[in-house]
Amino acid sequence: MINKLREINNKLLNIYDINSDKYKKQLQIKNILVDDGCFYRIKIETAYSILRDLGIAESDLKSVYKQLIKPYA
């Protein structure tokens, strides 16, 4: 799932103008997503905000978040 979010982030970085606020936000998100376990270390509110900025639908936020913090078996 984290790799899918990275792909979305890269696509958005290519879409937004380099001087836009949206581009800068996506750049910050890219720096967070470098760490495979980033969602374990951030608050749920921040995680949801990142997911929203990546275009994840409101109805999918909870399930995507759960997948990201699911313990490895």
N, C-alpha and C. Protein backbone atom coordinates (compact mmCIF):
# COMPACT_ATOMS: atom_id res chain seq x y z
N MET A 1 0.83 -1.20 0.00
CA MET A 1 0.00 0.00 0.00
C MET A 1 0.87 1.26 0.00
N ILE A 2 1.96 1.23 0.77
CA ILE A 2 2.82 2.42 0.82
C ILE A 2 3.40 2.72 -0.57
N ASN A 3 3.70 1.68 -1.32
CA ASN A 3 4.23 1.90 -2.68
C ASN A 3 3.19 2.52 -3.60
N LYS A 4 1.94 2.13 -3.42
CA LYS A 4 0.85 2.73 -4.21
C LYS A 4 0.72 4.22 -3.88
N LEU A 5 0.85 4.56 -2.60
CA LEU A 5 0.78 5.96 -2.20
C LEU A 5 1.96 6.75 -2.78
N ARG A 6 3.11 6.12 -2.83
CA ARG A 6 4.28 6.78 -3.44
C ARG A 6 4.05 7.05 -4.91
N GLU A 7 3.43 6.10 -5.60
CA GLU A 7 3.12 6.29 -7.02
C GLU A 7 2.16 7.45 -7.22
N ILE A 8 1.12 7.50 -6.40
CA ILE A 8 0.15 8.60 -6.48
C ILE A 8 0.85 9.93 -6.24
N ASN A 9 1.70 9.96 -5.24
CA ASN A 9 2.44 11.16 -4.90
C ASN A 9 3.31 11.62 -6.06
N ASN A 10 4.00 10.70 -6.69
CA ASN A 10 4.86 11.05 -7.84
C ASN A 10 4.04 11.59 -9.00
N LYS A 11 2.88 10.99 -9.24
CA LYS A 11 2.00 11.48 -10.31
C LYS A 11 1.54 12.90 -10.02
N LEU A 12 1.17 13.15 -8.77
CA LEU A 12 0.70 14.49 -8.40
C LEU A 12 1.84 15.51 -8.51
N LEU A 13 3.05 15.11 -8.14
CA LEU A 13 4.18 16.02 -8.28
C LEU A 13 4.40 16.40 -9.74
N ASN A 14 4.15 15.48 -10.64
CA ASN A 14 4.31 15.76 -12.07
C ASN A 14 3.19 16.63 -12.62
N ILE A 15 2.04 16.61 -11.97
CA ILE A 15 0.88 17.38 -12.44
C ILE A 15 0.96 18.84 -11.98
N TYR A 16 1.31 19.03 -10.71
CA TYR A 16 1.27 20.38 -10.13
C TYR A 16 2.45 21.23 -10.59
N ASP A 17 2.18 22.53 -10.73
CA ASP A 17 3.23 23.50 -11.05
C ASP A 17 4.21 23.56 -9.89
N ILE A 18 5.49 23.64 -10.21
CA ILE A 18 6.55 23.60 -9.21
C ILE A 18 6.45 24.73 -8.18
N ASN A 19 5.81 25.81 -8.53
CA ASN A 19 5.69 26.94 -7.61
C ASN A 19 4.39 26.95 -6.82
N SER A 20 3.54 25.95 -7.02
CA SER A 20 2.24 25.96 -6.34
C SER A 20 2.34 25.39 -4.93
N ASP A 21 1.38 25.78 -4.11
CA ASP A 21 1.30 25.25 -2.74
C ASP A 21 1.04 23.76 -2.74
N LYS A 22 0.24 23.28 -3.71
CA LYS A 22 -0.06 21.86 -3.79
C LYS A 22 1.22 21.06 -4.07
N TYR A 23 2.07 21.59 -4.93
CA TYR A 23 3.33 20.93 -5.24
C TYR A 23 4.19 20.85 -3.98
N LYS A 24 4.28 21.95 -3.25
CA LYS A 24 5.10 21.99 -2.03
C LYS A 24 4.58 21.00 -1.00
N LYS A 25 3.26 20.87 -0.89
CA LYS A 25 2.67 19.92 0.05
C LYS A 25 2.99 18.49 -0.37
N GLN A 26 2.90 18.22 -1.68
CA GLN A 26 3.23 16.88 -2.16
C GLN A 26 4.71 16.56 -1.96
N LEU A 27 5.55 17.56 -2.05
CA LEU A 27 6.98 17.36 -1.79
C LEU A 27 7.21 16.99 -0.33
N GLN A 28 6.49 17.64 0.58
CA GLN A 28 6.57 17.29 2.00
C GLN A 28 6.10 15.85 2.23
N ILE A 29 5.01 15.50 1.57
CA ILE A 29 4.47 14.14 1.69
C ILE A 29 5.49 13.14 1.16
N LYS A 30 6.15 13.46 0.06
CA LYS A 30 7.17 12.57 -0.50
C LYS A 30 8.26 12.30 0.52
N ASN A 31 8.67 13.34 1.23
CA ASN A 31 9.72 13.18 2.25
C ASN A 31 9.25 12.29 3.40
N ILE A 32 7.98 12.34 3.71
CA ILE A 32 7.42 11.48 4.77
C ILE A 32 7.35 10.04 4.29
N LEU A 33 6.91 9.85 3.05
CA LEU A 33 6.70 8.50 2.52
C LEU A 33 7.99 7.73 2.24
N VAL A 34 9.13 8.39 2.37
CA VAL A 34 10.41 7.71 2.19
C VAL A 34 10.55 6.58 3.21
N ASP A 35 10.02 6.81 4.39
CA ASP A 35 10.08 5.83 5.49
C ASP A 35 8.92 4.85 5.37
N ASP A 36 9.23 3.57 5.19
CA ASP A 36 8.18 2.55 5.06
C ASP A 36 7.24 2.51 6.26
N GLY A 37 7.73 2.85 7.43
CA GLY A 37 6.92 2.79 8.65
C GLY A 37 6.42 4.14 9.11
N CYS A 38 6.35 5.10 8.21
CA CYS A 38 5.99 6.47 8.60
C CYS A 38 4.61 6.54 9.26
N PHE A 39 3.67 5.71 8.83
CA PHE A 39 2.32 5.81 9.38
C PHE A 39 2.24 5.27 10.80
N TYR A 40 3.25 4.54 11.24
CA TYR A 40 3.30 4.09 12.63
C TYR A 40 3.72 5.23 13.56
N ARG A 41 4.40 6.23 13.01
CA ARG A 41 5.00 7.28 13.83
C ARG A 41 4.26 8.62 13.79
N ILE A 42 3.23 8.70 13.00
CA ILE A 42 2.51 9.98 12.93
C ILE A 42 1.10 9.82 13.52
N LYS A 43 0.56 10.93 13.94
CA LYS A 43 -0.80 10.93 14.50
C LYS A 43 -1.80 10.56 13.43
N ILE A 44 -2.89 9.97 13.85
CA ILE A 44 -3.93 9.53 12.92
C ILE A 44 -4.48 10.72 12.13
N GLU A 45 -4.60 11.88 12.75
CA GLU A 45 -5.11 13.06 12.07
C GLU A 45 -4.18 13.47 10.92
N THR A 46 -2.89 13.39 11.18
CA THR A 46 -1.90 13.71 10.16
C THR A 46 -1.95 12.69 9.03
N ALA A 47 -2.08 11.43 9.40
CA ALA A 47 -2.17 10.36 8.40
C ALA A 47 -3.38 10.57 7.49
N TYR A 48 -4.53 10.87 8.09
CA TYR A 48 -5.73 11.11 7.30
C TYR A 48 -5.56 12.31 6.38
N SER A 49 -4.90 13.34 6.87
CA SER A 49 -4.66 14.53 6.07
C SER A 49 -3.78 14.19 4.86
N ILE A 50 -2.76 13.39 5.08
CA ILE A 50 -1.89 12.96 3.98
C ILE A 50 -2.69 12.17 2.96
N LEU A 51 -3.50 11.24 3.45
CA LEU A 51 -4.30 10.41 2.55
C LEU A 51 -5.27 11.26 1.73
N ARG A 52 -5.87 12.25 2.38
CA ARG A 52 -6.77 13.17 1.65
C ARG A 52 -6.00 13.93 0.57
N ASP A 53 -4.80 14.42 0.93
CA ASP A 53 -3.99 15.17 -0.04
C ASP A 53 -3.56 14.29 -1.21
N LEU A 54 -3.52 12.99 -0.99
CA LEU A 54 -3.17 12.06 -2.07
C LEU A 54 -4.39 11.65 -2.88
N GLY A 55 -5.56 12.16 -2.49
CA GLY A 55 -6.77 11.91 -3.26
C GLY A 55 -7.54 10.66 -2.85
N ILE A 56 -7.24 10.11 -1.69
CA ILE A 56 -7.98 8.95 -1.21
C ILE A 56 -9.38 9.42 -0.79
N ALA A 57 -10.39 8.71 -1.24
CA ALA A 57 -11.78 9.09 -0.94
C ALA A 57 -12.06 9.00 0.56
N GLU A 58 -12.89 9.90 1.04
CA GLU A 58 -13.26 9.91 2.46
C GLU A 58 -13.76 8.55 2.93
N SER A 59 -14.54 7.90 2.10
CA SER A 59 -15.11 6.60 2.47
C SER A 59 -14.06 5.50 2.58
N ASP A 60 -12.89 5.72 2.01
CA ASP A 60 -11.82 4.72 2.04
C ASP A 60 -10.72 5.02 3.06
N LEU A 61 -10.77 6.18 3.69
CA LEU A 61 -9.68 6.59 4.58
C LEU A 61 -9.41 5.56 5.67
N LYS A 62 -10.45 5.12 6.34
CA LYS A 62 -10.27 4.21 7.47
C LYS A 62 -9.65 2.89 7.03
N SER A 63 -10.14 2.32 5.95
CA SER A 63 -9.61 1.02 5.50
C SER A 63 -8.18 1.15 4.99
N VAL A 64 -7.86 2.22 4.28
CA VAL A 64 -6.49 2.42 3.81
C VAL A 64 -5.56 2.61 4.99
N TYR A 65 -5.97 3.41 5.95
CA TYR A 65 -5.15 3.63 7.14
C TYR A 65 -4.89 2.31 7.87
N LYS A 66 -5.93 1.51 8.02
CA LYS A 66 -5.77 0.21 8.70
C LYS A 66 -4.77 -0.67 7.96
N GLN A 67 -4.80 -0.65 6.63
CA GLN A 67 -3.85 -1.44 5.85
C GLN A 67 -2.42 -0.95 6.09
N LEU A 68 -2.28 0.35 6.24
CA LEU A 68 -0.94 0.93 6.43
C LEU A 68 -0.34 0.63 7.79
N ILE A 69 -1.20 0.44 8.79
CA ILE A 69 -0.67 0.18 10.13
C ILE A 69 -0.86 -1.27 10.56
N LYS A 70 -1.30 -2.11 9.63
CA LYS A 70 -1.49 -3.52 9.94
C LYS A 70 -0.14 -4.14 10.28
N PRO A 71 -0.09 -4.88 11.39
CA PRO A 71 1.18 -5.53 11.75
C PRO A 71 1.56 -6.58 10.71
N TYR A 72 2.84 -6.70 10.50
CA TYR A 72 3.35 -7.70 9.58
C TYR A 72 3.23 -9.07 10.21
N ALA A 73 2.75 -10.04 9.42
CA ALA A 73 2.58 -11.40 9.95
C ALA A 73 3.75 -12.26 9.59
